[in-house]
N, C-alpha and C. Protein backbone atom coordinates (compact mmCIF):
# COMPACT_ATOMS: atom_id res chain seq x y z
N MET A 1 151.24 126.51 86.35
CA MET A 1 151.34 125.39 85.41
C MET A 1 151.13 125.93 84.00
N SER A 2 152.02 125.60 83.12
CA SER A 2 151.89 126.11 81.75
C SER A 2 151.01 125.18 80.92
N GLU A 3 150.39 125.76 79.95
CA GLU A 3 149.47 125.08 79.05
C GLU A 3 150.27 124.26 78.04
N PRO A 4 149.89 123.00 77.78
CA PRO A 4 150.57 122.24 76.72
C PRO A 4 150.41 122.94 75.36
N ARG A 5 151.41 122.81 74.50
CA ARG A 5 151.41 123.50 73.20
C ARG A 5 150.15 123.23 72.39
N ASP A 6 149.73 121.97 72.30
CA ASP A 6 148.56 121.65 71.48
C ASP A 6 147.29 122.29 72.04
N VAL A 7 147.16 122.33 73.35
CA VAL A 7 146.00 122.96 73.99
C VAL A 7 146.04 124.47 73.75
N ARG A 8 147.22 125.04 73.86
CA ARG A 8 147.37 126.48 73.63
C ARG A 8 146.97 126.85 72.20
N ILE A 9 147.43 126.08 71.24
CA ILE A 9 147.11 126.34 69.83
C ILE A 9 145.60 126.21 69.60
N LYS A 10 144.98 125.17 70.15
CA LYS A 10 143.53 125.01 69.99
C LYS A 10 142.77 126.18 70.61
N ARG A 11 143.21 126.64 71.78
CA ARG A 11 142.57 127.78 72.43
C ARG A 11 142.68 129.03 71.56
N MET A 12 143.88 129.26 71.01
CA MET A 12 144.07 130.44 70.18
C MET A 12 143.29 130.34 68.87
N GLN A 13 143.16 129.13 68.32
CA GLN A 13 142.36 128.97 67.11
C GLN A 13 140.89 129.30 67.39
N MET A 14 140.39 128.84 68.54
CA MET A 14 139.01 129.15 68.90
C MET A 14 138.84 130.65 69.13
N ARG A 15 139.79 131.26 69.81
CA ARG A 15 139.72 132.71 70.07
C ARG A 15 139.81 133.50 68.76
N SER A 16 140.52 132.97 67.79
CA SER A 16 140.63 133.62 66.48
C SER A 16 139.30 133.58 65.73
N MET A 17 138.51 132.53 65.96
CA MET A 17 137.23 132.38 65.27
C MET A 17 136.10 133.15 65.93
N ARG A 18 136.24 133.41 67.20
CA ARG A 18 135.15 134.04 67.95
C ARG A 18 135.55 135.45 68.38
N ARG A 19 135.58 136.32 67.41
CA ARG A 19 135.96 137.72 67.65
C ARG A 19 134.70 138.56 67.82
N GLY A 20 134.83 139.85 67.85
CA GLY A 20 133.67 140.71 67.99
C GLY A 20 133.06 141.08 66.65
N ILE A 21 133.88 141.14 65.60
CA ILE A 21 133.36 141.49 64.28
C ILE A 21 133.70 140.39 63.28
N LYS A 22 132.77 140.14 62.38
CA LYS A 22 132.87 139.01 61.45
C LYS A 22 134.13 139.05 60.60
N GLU A 23 134.53 140.25 60.15
CA GLU A 23 135.73 140.36 59.31
C GLU A 23 136.96 139.80 60.04
N MET A 24 137.06 140.09 61.33
CA MET A 24 138.21 139.59 62.09
C MET A 24 138.10 138.10 62.35
N ASP A 25 136.87 137.58 62.50
CA ASP A 25 136.68 136.12 62.61
C ASP A 25 137.29 135.44 61.38
N ILE A 26 136.95 135.96 60.22
CA ILE A 26 137.39 135.36 58.96
C ILE A 26 138.90 135.48 58.80
N ILE A 27 139.43 136.66 59.00
CA ILE A 27 140.86 136.92 58.81
C ILE A 27 141.69 136.11 59.79
N LEU A 28 141.38 136.22 61.08
CA LEU A 28 142.22 135.57 62.08
C LEU A 28 142.05 134.06 62.12
N SER A 29 140.85 133.55 61.87
CA SER A 29 140.70 132.09 61.90
C SER A 29 141.46 131.45 60.74
N ALA A 30 141.43 132.09 59.58
CA ALA A 30 142.19 131.56 58.44
C ALA A 30 143.69 131.65 58.71
N TYR A 31 144.14 132.78 59.24
CA TYR A 31 145.56 132.95 59.55
C TYR A 31 146.01 131.92 60.59
N ALA A 32 145.22 131.77 61.64
CA ALA A 32 145.57 130.82 62.71
C ALA A 32 145.65 129.40 62.17
N GLY A 33 144.69 129.03 61.34
CA GLY A 33 144.67 127.68 60.77
C GLY A 33 145.89 127.38 59.93
N ARG A 34 146.39 128.40 59.24
CA ARG A 34 147.55 128.22 58.37
C ARG A 34 148.88 128.30 59.09
N ASN A 35 148.94 129.04 60.19
CA ASN A 35 150.25 129.41 60.74
C ASN A 35 150.57 128.99 62.17
N LEU A 36 149.60 128.83 63.03
CA LEU A 36 149.91 128.61 64.45
C LEU A 36 150.75 127.36 64.69
N ALA A 37 150.45 126.27 64.02
CA ALA A 37 151.18 125.02 64.26
C ALA A 37 152.67 125.15 63.96
N ASP A 38 153.03 126.05 63.05
CA ASP A 38 154.44 126.22 62.67
C ASP A 38 155.17 127.30 63.46
N MET A 39 154.45 128.03 64.31
CA MET A 39 155.08 129.12 65.07
C MET A 39 155.91 128.59 66.23
N ASP A 40 156.98 129.31 66.54
CA ASP A 40 157.74 128.99 67.74
C ASP A 40 157.05 129.62 68.95
N THR A 41 157.58 129.37 70.13
CA THR A 41 156.95 129.88 71.35
C THR A 41 156.85 131.40 71.35
N ALA A 42 157.90 132.08 70.92
CA ALA A 42 157.87 133.55 70.88
C ALA A 42 156.78 134.05 69.94
N GLY A 43 156.63 133.41 68.79
CA GLY A 43 155.58 133.78 67.84
C GLY A 43 154.20 133.56 68.43
N LEU A 44 154.02 132.44 69.13
CA LEU A 44 152.74 132.17 69.77
C LEU A 44 152.45 133.20 70.86
N ASP A 45 153.48 133.62 71.59
CA ASP A 45 153.31 134.63 72.64
C ASP A 45 152.79 135.94 72.05
N VAL A 46 153.36 136.35 70.92
CA VAL A 46 152.93 137.61 70.28
C VAL A 46 151.50 137.46 69.75
N TYR A 47 151.21 136.34 69.11
CA TYR A 47 149.86 136.13 68.59
C TYR A 47 148.84 136.10 69.74
N ASP A 48 149.20 135.44 70.83
CA ASP A 48 148.32 135.36 71.99
C ASP A 48 148.02 136.77 72.53
N ALA A 49 149.05 137.60 72.61
CA ALA A 49 148.87 138.98 73.07
C ALA A 49 147.97 139.75 72.10
N LEU A 50 148.16 139.51 70.80
CA LEU A 50 147.34 140.17 69.78
C LEU A 50 145.86 139.85 69.96
N LEU A 51 145.57 138.62 70.35
CA LEU A 51 144.18 138.20 70.53
C LEU A 51 143.47 138.95 71.66
N HIS A 52 144.22 139.61 72.51
CA HIS A 52 143.63 140.38 73.60
C HIS A 52 143.34 141.83 73.19
N GLU A 53 143.71 142.19 71.97
CA GLU A 53 143.47 143.55 71.49
C GLU A 53 142.03 143.71 70.98
N ASN A 54 141.59 144.94 70.93
CA ASN A 54 140.25 145.30 70.47
C ASN A 54 140.11 145.01 68.97
N ASP A 55 138.97 144.43 68.57
CA ASP A 55 138.74 144.09 67.17
C ASP A 55 138.79 145.28 66.22
N GLN A 56 138.22 146.41 66.65
CA GLN A 56 138.24 147.58 65.78
C GLN A 56 139.68 148.03 65.52
N ASP A 57 140.52 147.98 66.55
CA ASP A 57 141.93 148.31 66.37
C ASP A 57 142.61 147.31 65.44
N LEU A 58 142.38 146.03 65.68
CA LEU A 58 142.97 144.99 64.83
C LEU A 58 142.59 145.18 63.37
N TYR A 59 141.33 145.45 63.12
CA TYR A 59 140.86 145.62 61.75
C TYR A 59 141.56 146.81 61.08
N GLN A 60 141.69 147.91 61.81
CA GLN A 60 142.37 149.08 61.25
C GLN A 60 143.85 148.79 60.99
N TRP A 61 144.48 148.01 61.86
CA TRP A 61 145.90 147.67 61.66
C TRP A 61 146.06 146.77 60.43
N VAL A 62 145.23 145.73 60.35
CA VAL A 62 145.34 144.75 59.26
C VAL A 62 145.05 145.40 57.91
N THR A 63 144.10 146.33 57.88
CA THR A 63 143.73 146.97 56.62
C THR A 63 144.61 148.17 56.29
N GLY A 64 145.56 148.50 57.17
CA GLY A 64 146.49 149.58 56.89
C GLY A 64 145.95 150.98 57.17
N GLN A 65 144.82 151.08 57.82
CA GLN A 65 144.24 152.38 58.14
C GLN A 65 145.02 153.08 59.25
N VAL A 66 145.57 152.28 60.17
CA VAL A 66 146.31 152.79 61.33
C VAL A 66 147.55 151.93 61.52
N GLN A 67 148.66 152.57 61.90
CA GLN A 67 149.90 151.83 62.19
C GLN A 67 149.71 151.01 63.46
N PRO A 68 150.09 149.73 63.43
CA PRO A 68 150.00 148.92 64.65
C PRO A 68 151.12 149.27 65.62
N PRO A 69 150.95 148.93 66.89
CA PRO A 69 152.05 149.11 67.84
C PRO A 69 153.27 148.31 67.36
N ALA A 70 154.45 148.80 67.68
CA ALA A 70 155.69 148.18 67.21
C ALA A 70 155.78 146.69 67.53
N ARG A 71 155.31 146.29 68.70
CA ARG A 71 155.44 144.87 69.08
C ARG A 71 154.60 143.94 68.21
N PHE A 72 153.58 144.50 67.53
CA PHE A 72 152.74 143.69 66.64
C PHE A 72 153.02 143.94 65.16
N ALA A 73 153.91 144.85 64.84
CA ALA A 73 154.09 145.29 63.45
C ALA A 73 154.39 144.14 62.49
N ASN A 74 155.33 143.27 62.82
CA ASN A 74 155.69 142.17 61.91
C ASN A 74 154.55 141.17 61.76
N LEU A 75 153.89 140.86 62.86
CA LEU A 75 152.77 139.92 62.81
C LEU A 75 151.61 140.50 61.99
N ILE A 76 151.28 141.75 62.21
CA ILE A 76 150.21 142.40 61.45
C ILE A 76 150.56 142.44 59.97
N ALA A 77 151.82 142.73 59.65
CA ALA A 77 152.24 142.74 58.24
C ALA A 77 152.05 141.37 57.61
N ASP A 78 152.37 140.32 58.35
CA ASP A 78 152.22 138.96 57.85
C ASP A 78 150.73 138.62 57.66
N ILE A 79 149.91 138.98 58.61
CA ILE A 79 148.47 138.73 58.50
C ILE A 79 147.89 139.52 57.32
N ALA A 80 148.27 140.79 57.21
CA ALA A 80 147.76 141.62 56.12
C ALA A 80 148.19 141.10 54.76
N GLN A 81 149.44 140.67 54.65
CA GLN A 81 149.96 140.15 53.38
C GLN A 81 149.18 138.90 52.95
N THR A 82 148.84 138.08 53.91
CA THR A 82 148.09 136.86 53.64
C THR A 82 146.75 137.17 52.99
N PHE A 83 146.12 138.28 53.39
CA PHE A 83 144.77 138.59 52.91
C PHE A 83 144.73 139.59 51.78
N GLN A 84 145.89 140.03 51.31
CA GLN A 84 145.91 140.93 50.16
C GLN A 84 146.27 140.16 48.89
N LYS A 85 146.41 138.84 49.01
CA LYS A 85 146.75 138.02 47.84
C LYS A 85 145.49 137.69 47.05
């Protein structure tokens, strides 16, 4: 049984806020609040997969210290651009 869209978005917003490191809590919760409702299913799938990644890796990808895996490259670029403004 698949999760209804609104339940899925709420789950991902909560997962974005409750990370392992505070910097990722702040970055991902703000990004999720601004963008999840407007994402299509494919975008939500990629974001959901991203939420299963290690926080230290995510932080290095978002801050440009390490190249993200290709499947996350566009999403990470979007998240990073949001926080460099």
